[in-house]
């Protein structure tokens, strides 16, 4: 009986060591948490879903998400600050797009998961 306990202890220690080895540093964890927080807000998530169809300006994003221009611009700033969207000038307009396709992959996986529950 004591041997099983010793084996379990060793197994748990190995798992802890593996968890510690694979744990990002605190700065990376904070950055990851901030990005998850940024995409979890419903109006920002709607913006990202709209941008998943391609590049859009604020005016068209406002139409797509049903918000007002000021609110959409504010949410875009948060998404830009978190390096989730990027912008470029096209004449007088600023065009927005998703800066990292991995974000859209995460959103699509979450959408698929919701569909699995039905």
N, C-alpha and C. Protein backbone atom coordinates (compact mmCIF):
# COMPACT_ATOMS: atom_id res chain seq x y z
N UNK A 1 0.82 -1.19 0.00
CA UNK A 1 0.00 0.00 0.00
C UNK A 1 0.87 1.26 0.00
N UNK A 2 1.92 1.26 0.80
CA UNK A 2 2.84 2.40 0.86
C UNK A 2 3.50 2.65 -0.49
N UNK A 3 3.80 1.57 -1.23
CA UNK A 3 4.45 1.70 -2.52
C UNK A 3 3.55 2.42 -3.51
N UNK A 4 2.24 2.09 -3.52
CA UNK A 4 1.30 2.78 -4.41
C UNK A 4 1.31 4.28 -4.11
N UNK A 5 1.34 4.62 -2.86
CA UNK A 5 1.35 6.02 -2.46
C UNK A 5 2.62 6.71 -2.96
N UNK A 6 3.74 6.02 -2.86
CA UNK A 6 5.02 6.57 -3.34
C UNK A 6 4.99 6.73 -4.86
N UNK A 7 4.42 5.76 -5.57
CA UNK A 7 4.30 5.85 -7.04
C UNK A 7 3.41 7.02 -7.44
N UNK A 8 2.31 7.17 -6.72
CA UNK A 8 1.40 8.30 -7.01
C UNK A 8 2.11 9.63 -6.78
N UNK A 9 2.88 9.71 -5.68
CA UNK A 9 3.59 10.94 -5.36
C UNK A 9 4.57 11.27 -6.48
N UNK A 10 5.30 10.28 -6.94
CA UNK A 10 6.28 10.50 -8.02
C UNK A 10 5.57 10.93 -9.31
N UNK A 11 4.44 10.28 -9.60
CA UNK A 11 3.68 10.63 -10.81
C UNK A 11 3.18 12.07 -10.73
N UNK A 12 2.69 12.46 -9.58
CA UNK A 12 2.21 13.84 -9.41
C UNK A 12 3.35 14.85 -9.51
N UNK A 13 4.49 14.51 -8.95
CA UNK A 13 5.65 15.39 -9.05
C UNK A 13 6.07 15.57 -10.50
N UNK A 14 6.01 14.50 -11.28
CA UNK A 14 6.34 14.60 -12.71
C UNK A 14 5.35 15.51 -13.43
N UNK A 15 4.08 15.38 -13.08
CA UNK A 15 3.07 16.23 -13.70
C UNK A 15 3.27 17.70 -13.33
N UNK A 16 3.61 17.94 -12.09
CA UNK A 16 3.87 19.32 -11.65
C UNK A 16 5.08 19.87 -12.40
N UNK A 17 6.12 19.08 -12.52
CA UNK A 17 7.32 19.52 -13.23
C UNK A 17 6.99 19.84 -14.69
N UNK A 18 6.17 19.00 -15.32
CA UNK A 18 5.76 19.24 -16.70
C UNK A 18 4.92 20.51 -16.81
N UNK A 19 4.00 20.70 -15.87
CA UNK A 19 3.17 21.90 -15.87
C UNK A 19 4.04 23.16 -15.73
N UNK A 20 5.01 23.11 -14.84
CA UNK A 20 5.90 24.25 -14.65
C UNK A 20 6.76 24.51 -15.88
N UNK A 21 7.21 23.44 -16.52
CA UNK A 21 8.04 23.56 -17.72
C UNK A 21 7.26 24.22 -18.86
N UNK A 22 5.97 23.91 -18.96
CA UNK A 22 5.14 24.42 -20.05
C UNK A 22 4.43 25.73 -19.72
N UNK A 23 4.61 26.24 -18.52
CA UNK A 23 3.94 27.47 -18.10
C UNK A 23 4.68 28.69 -18.66
N UNK A 24 3.95 29.54 -19.42
CA UNK A 24 4.59 30.77 -19.90
C UNK A 24 4.92 31.69 -18.71
N UNK A 25 5.78 32.66 -18.96
CA UNK A 25 6.10 33.59 -17.88
C UNK A 25 4.90 34.50 -17.61
N UNK A 26 4.95 35.20 -16.49
CA UNK A 26 3.82 36.02 -16.03
C UNK A 26 3.40 37.07 -17.04
N UNK A 27 4.36 37.69 -17.71
CA UNK A 27 4.02 38.71 -18.71
C UNK A 27 3.20 38.12 -19.85
N UNK A 28 3.59 36.93 -20.31
CA UNK A 28 2.85 36.27 -21.40
C UNK A 28 1.45 35.87 -20.94
N UNK A 29 1.33 35.41 -19.71
CA UNK A 29 0.02 35.04 -19.18
C UNK A 29 -0.88 36.27 -19.09
N UNK A 30 -0.32 37.39 -18.62
CA UNK A 30 -1.09 38.64 -18.55
C UNK A 30 -1.54 39.09 -19.93
N UNK A 31 -0.65 38.97 -20.92
CA UNK A 31 -0.99 39.36 -22.29
C UNK A 31 -2.08 38.45 -22.85
N UNK A 32 -1.97 37.18 -22.62
CA UNK A 32 -2.98 36.23 -23.08
C UNK A 32 -4.33 36.51 -22.43
N UNK A 33 -4.33 36.75 -21.14
CA UNK A 33 -5.58 37.05 -20.43
C UNK A 33 -6.22 38.33 -20.97
N UNK A 34 -5.40 39.34 -21.25
CA UNK A 34 -5.92 40.61 -21.79
C UNK A 34 -6.56 40.39 -23.16
N UNK A 35 -5.97 39.54 -23.98
CA UNK A 35 -6.54 39.27 -25.31
C UNK A 35 -7.85 38.51 -25.20
N UNK A 36 -7.89 37.52 -24.31
CA UNK A 36 -9.15 36.81 -24.11
C UNK A 36 -10.23 37.76 -23.59
N UNK A 37 -9.85 38.64 -22.69
CA UNK A 37 -10.81 39.61 -22.16
C UNK A 37 -11.31 40.52 -23.28
N UNK A 38 -10.41 40.94 -24.15
CA UNK A 38 -10.78 41.84 -25.24
C UNK A 38 -11.76 41.19 -26.21
N UNK A 39 -11.55 39.92 -26.53
CA UNK A 39 -12.45 39.29 -27.50
C UNK A 39 -13.73 38.78 -26.85
N UNK A 40 -13.77 38.72 -25.52
CA UNK A 40 -14.96 38.17 -24.86
C UNK A 40 -16.08 39.18 -24.70
N UNK A 41 -15.81 40.46 -24.90
CA UNK A 41 -16.86 41.48 -24.78
C UNK A 41 -17.74 41.39 -26.03
N UNK A 42 -19.08 41.30 -25.87
CA UNK A 42 -19.97 41.03 -27.01
C UNK A 42 -19.84 41.98 -28.20
N UNK A 43 -19.73 43.27 -27.97
CA UNK A 43 -19.65 44.18 -29.13
C UNK A 43 -18.32 44.01 -29.87
N UNK A 44 -17.25 43.74 -29.15
CA UNK A 44 -15.97 43.49 -29.82
C UNK A 44 -16.00 42.15 -30.56
N UNK A 45 -16.66 41.17 -29.98
CA UNK A 45 -16.80 39.88 -30.65
C UNK A 45 -17.59 40.05 -31.95
N UNK A 46 -18.64 40.86 -31.93
CA UNK A 46 -19.40 41.11 -33.15
C UNK A 46 -18.53 41.78 -34.21
N UNK A 47 -17.70 42.70 -33.80
CA UNK A 47 -16.78 43.35 -34.74
C UNK A 47 -15.85 42.32 -35.37
N UNK A 48 -15.31 41.44 -34.55
CA UNK A 48 -14.41 40.41 -35.08
C UNK A 48 -15.14 39.45 -36.02
N UNK A 49 -16.38 39.13 -35.69
CA UNK A 49 -17.16 38.27 -36.59
C UNK A 49 -17.40 38.97 -37.92
N UNK A 50 -17.66 40.27 -37.88
CA UNK A 50 -17.84 41.02 -39.12
C UNK A 50 -16.54 41.06 -39.91
N UNK A 51 -15.43 41.27 -39.22
CA UNK A 51 -14.13 41.33 -39.90
C UNK A 51 -13.67 39.95 -40.40
N UNK A 52 -14.29 38.90 -39.91
CA UNK A 52 -13.93 37.57 -40.40
C UNK A 52 -14.30 37.40 -41.88
N UNK A 53 -15.18 38.27 -42.36
CA UNK A 53 -15.57 38.25 -43.78
C UNK A 53 -14.64 39.10 -44.63
N UNK A 54 -13.76 39.85 -44.00
CA UNK A 54 -12.80 40.68 -44.73
C UNK A 54 -12.72 42.08 -44.15
N UNK A 55 -11.86 42.83 -44.75
CA UNK A 55 -11.53 44.19 -44.31
C UNK A 55 -12.76 45.12 -44.44
N UNK A 56 -12.96 45.97 -43.41
CA UNK A 56 -14.07 46.92 -43.42
C UNK A 56 -13.65 48.25 -42.80
N UNK A 57 -14.30 49.32 -43.22
CA UNK A 57 -14.09 50.63 -42.60
C UNK A 57 -15.08 50.77 -41.43
N UNK A 58 -14.91 51.81 -40.62
CA UNK A 58 -15.76 52.01 -39.45
C UNK A 58 -17.23 52.14 -39.87
N UNK A 59 -17.49 52.87 -40.93
CA UNK A 59 -18.88 53.06 -41.37
C UNK A 59 -19.55 51.72 -41.68
N UNK A 60 -18.86 50.86 -42.41
CA UNK A 60 -19.44 49.57 -42.76
C UNK A 60 -19.49 48.63 -41.55
N UNK A 61 -18.50 48.72 -40.66
CA UNK A 61 -18.55 47.93 -39.43
C UNK A 61 -19.76 48.35 -38.59
N UNK A 62 -20.01 49.64 -38.52
CA UNK A 62 -21.16 50.15 -37.77
C UNK A 62 -22.45 49.55 -38.30
N UNK A 63 -22.58 49.49 -39.62
CA UNK A 63 -23.77 48.88 -40.23
C UNK A 63 -23.83 47.39 -39.93
N UNK A 64 -22.70 46.73 -40.01
CA UNK A 64 -22.66 45.27 -39.83
C UNK A 64 -22.99 44.85 -38.40
N UNK A 65 -22.56 45.64 -37.42
CA UNK A 65 -22.76 45.24 -36.01
C UNK A 65 -23.94 45.94 -35.35
N UNK A 66 -24.52 46.92 -36.04
CA UNK A 66 -25.68 47.61 -35.49
C UNK A 66 -25.37 48.54 -34.34
N UNK A 67 -24.21 49.14 -34.36
CA UNK A 67 -23.84 50.07 -33.29
C UNK A 67 -23.77 51.48 -33.82
N UNK A 68 -23.25 52.37 -33.00
CA UNK A 68 -23.00 53.74 -33.49
C UNK A 68 -21.50 53.90 -33.72
N UNK A 69 -21.15 54.88 -34.54
CA UNK A 69 -19.77 55.02 -34.97
C UNK A 69 -18.81 55.26 -33.81
N UNK A 70 -19.24 56.05 -32.85
CA UNK A 70 -18.37 56.34 -31.70
C UNK A 70 -18.07 55.07 -30.90
N UNK A 71 -19.09 54.27 -30.65
CA UNK A 71 -18.91 53.04 -29.87
C UNK A 71 -18.04 52.05 -30.64
N UNK A 72 -18.27 51.90 -31.94
CA UNK A 72 -17.47 50.98 -32.75
C UNK A 72 -16.02 51.43 -32.77
N UNK A 73 -15.79 52.73 -32.94
CA UNK A 73 -14.42 53.25 -32.93
C UNK A 73 -13.73 52.97 -31.61
N UNK A 74 -14.46 53.14 -30.52
CA UNK A 74 -13.90 52.87 -29.19
C UNK A 74 -13.51 51.40 -29.06
N UNK A 75 -14.39 50.51 -29.51
CA UNK A 75 -14.10 49.07 -29.42
C UNK A 75 -12.94 48.69 -30.34
N UNK A 76 -12.86 49.32 -31.50
CA UNK A 76 -11.73 49.05 -32.40
C UNK A 76 -10.41 49.46 -31.76
N UNK A 77 -10.41 50.56 -31.03
CA UNK A 77 -9.19 50.99 -30.35
C UNK A 77 -8.74 49.93 -29.34
N UNK A 78 -9.68 49.40 -28.60
CA UNK A 78 -9.34 48.34 -27.63
C UNK A 78 -8.77 47.13 -28.35
N UNK A 79 -9.39 46.74 -29.46
CA UNK A 79 -8.90 45.59 -30.22
C UNK A 79 -7.52 45.87 -30.81
N UNK A 80 -7.29 47.10 -31.26
CA UNK A 80 -5.96 47.47 -31.79
C UNK A 80 -4.92 47.47 -30.68
N UNK A 81 -5.28 48.03 -29.53
CA UNK A 81 -4.35 48.08 -28.40
C UNK A 81 -3.90 46.68 -27.98
N UNK A 82 -4.79 45.71 -28.18
CA UNK A 82 -4.48 44.32 -27.82
C UNK A 82 -3.94 43.52 -29.00
N UNK A 83 -3.60 44.23 -30.08
CA UNK A 83 -2.99 43.62 -31.28
C UNK A 83 -3.86 42.54 -31.91
N UNK A 84 -5.18 42.73 -31.83
CA UNK A 84 -6.12 41.77 -32.39
C UNK A 84 -6.56 42.22 -33.78
N UNK A 85 -6.68 43.54 -33.96
CA UNK A 85 -6.98 44.08 -35.29
C UNK A 85 -5.88 45.06 -35.68
N UNK A 86 -5.80 45.29 -36.97
CA UNK A 86 -4.85 46.27 -37.50
C UNK A 86 -5.61 47.18 -38.45
N UNK A 87 -5.00 48.29 -38.78
CA UNK A 87 -5.65 49.24 -39.67
C UNK A 87 -4.65 49.72 -40.73
N UNK A 88 -5.25 50.21 -41.81
CA UNK A 88 -4.44 50.83 -42.85
C UNK A 88 -5.28 51.91 -43.50
N UNK A 89 -4.60 52.93 -44.00
CA UNK A 89 -5.28 54.01 -44.70
C UNK A 89 -5.53 53.62 -46.14
N UNK A 90 -6.73 53.95 -46.61
CA UNK A 90 -7.10 53.77 -48.00
C UNK A 90 -7.82 55.06 -48.41
N UNK A 91 -7.05 56.00 -48.96
CA UNK A 91 -7.62 57.32 -49.25
C UNK A 91 -7.97 58.01 -47.94
N UNK A 92 -9.22 58.43 -47.82
CA UNK A 92 -9.68 59.10 -46.60
C UNK A 92 -10.18 58.13 -45.55
N UNK A 93 -10.33 56.88 -45.92
CA UNK A 93 -10.88 55.90 -44.99
C UNK A 93 -9.77 55.10 -44.32
N UNK A 94 -10.10 54.62 -43.13
CA UNK A 94 -9.23 53.69 -42.42
C UNK A 94 -9.90 52.32 -42.50
N UNK A 95 -9.16 51.36 -43.01
CA UNK A 95 -9.68 50.02 -43.18
C UNK A 95 -9.15 49.13 -42.04
N UNK A 96 -10.03 48.32 -41.49
CA UNK A 96 -9.66 47.45 -40.37
C UNK A 96 -9.73 45.98 -40.80
N UNK A 97 -8.84 45.19 -40.24
CA UNK A 97 -8.84 43.75 -40.49
C UNK A 97 -8.27 43.04 -39.26
N UNK A 98 -8.51 41.76 -39.19
CA UNK A 98 -7.98 40.96 -38.08
C UNK A 98 -6.49 40.78 -38.33
N UNK A 99 -5.69 41.03 -37.31
CA UNK A 99 -4.24 40.99 -37.48
C UNK A 99 -3.66 39.59 -37.34
N UNK A 100 -4.40 38.68 -36.73
CA UNK A 100 -3.89 37.34 -36.51
C UNK A 100 -5.02 36.33 -36.73
N UNK A 101 -4.87 35.50 -37.72
CA UNK A 101 -5.89 34.51 -38.05
C UNK A 101 -6.18 33.53 -36.93
N UNK A 102 -5.26 33.38 -35.99
CA UNK A 102 -5.49 32.47 -34.87
C UNK A 102 -6.69 32.91 -34.04
N UNK A 103 -6.92 34.22 -33.95
CA UNK A 103 -8.07 34.73 -33.21
C UNK A 103 -9.36 34.23 -33.86
N UNK A 104 -9.41 34.30 -35.18
CA UNK A 104 -10.60 33.83 -35.89
C UNK A 104 -10.75 32.32 -35.74
N UNK A 105 -9.64 31.60 -35.69
CA UNK A 105 -9.70 30.16 -35.47
C UNK A 105 -10.32 29.86 -34.11
N UNK A 106 -9.91 30.59 -33.08
CA UNK A 106 -10.48 30.38 -31.74
C UNK A 106 -11.97 30.67 -31.74
N UNK A 107 -12.37 31.75 -32.40
CA UNK A 107 -13.78 32.10 -32.45
C UNK A 107 -14.57 31.03 -33.19
N UNK A 108 -14.03 30.54 -34.30
CA UNK A 108 -14.72 29.51 -35.07
C UNK A 108 -14.84 28.20 -34.28
N UNK A 109 -13.81 27.85 -33.53
CA UNK A 109 -13.87 26.66 -32.69
C UNK A 109 -14.97 26.84 -31.64
N UNK A 110 -15.05 28.01 -31.05
CA UNK A 110 -16.09 28.27 -30.05
C UNK A 110 -17.48 28.20 -30.69
N UNK A 111 -17.63 28.74 -31.90
CA UNK A 111 -18.91 28.66 -32.60
C UNK A 111 -19.28 27.21 -32.88
N UNK A 112 -18.31 26.41 -33.33
CA UNK A 112 -18.56 24.99 -33.59
C UNK A 112 -18.99 24.27 -32.30
N UNK A 113 -18.36 24.62 -31.21
CA UNK A 113 -18.69 24.02 -29.92
C UNK A 113 -20.14 24.33 -29.55
N UNK A 114 -20.58 25.56 -29.80
CA UNK A 114 -21.97 25.92 -29.52
C UNK A 114 -22.91 25.10 -30.38
N UNK A 115 -22.56 24.89 -31.62
CA UNK A 115 -23.41 24.10 -32.53
C UNK A 115 -23.46 22.63 -32.12
N UNK A 116 -22.42 22.14 -31.47
CA UNK A 116 -22.41 20.75 -31.02
C UNK A 116 -23.41 20.51 -29.89
N UNK A 117 -23.74 21.56 -29.15
CA UNK A 117 -24.65 21.43 -28.02
C UNK A 117 -26.11 21.35 -28.46
N UNK A 118 -26.38 21.65 -29.72
CA UNK A 118 -27.78 21.66 -30.18
C UNK A 118 -28.26 20.28 -30.52
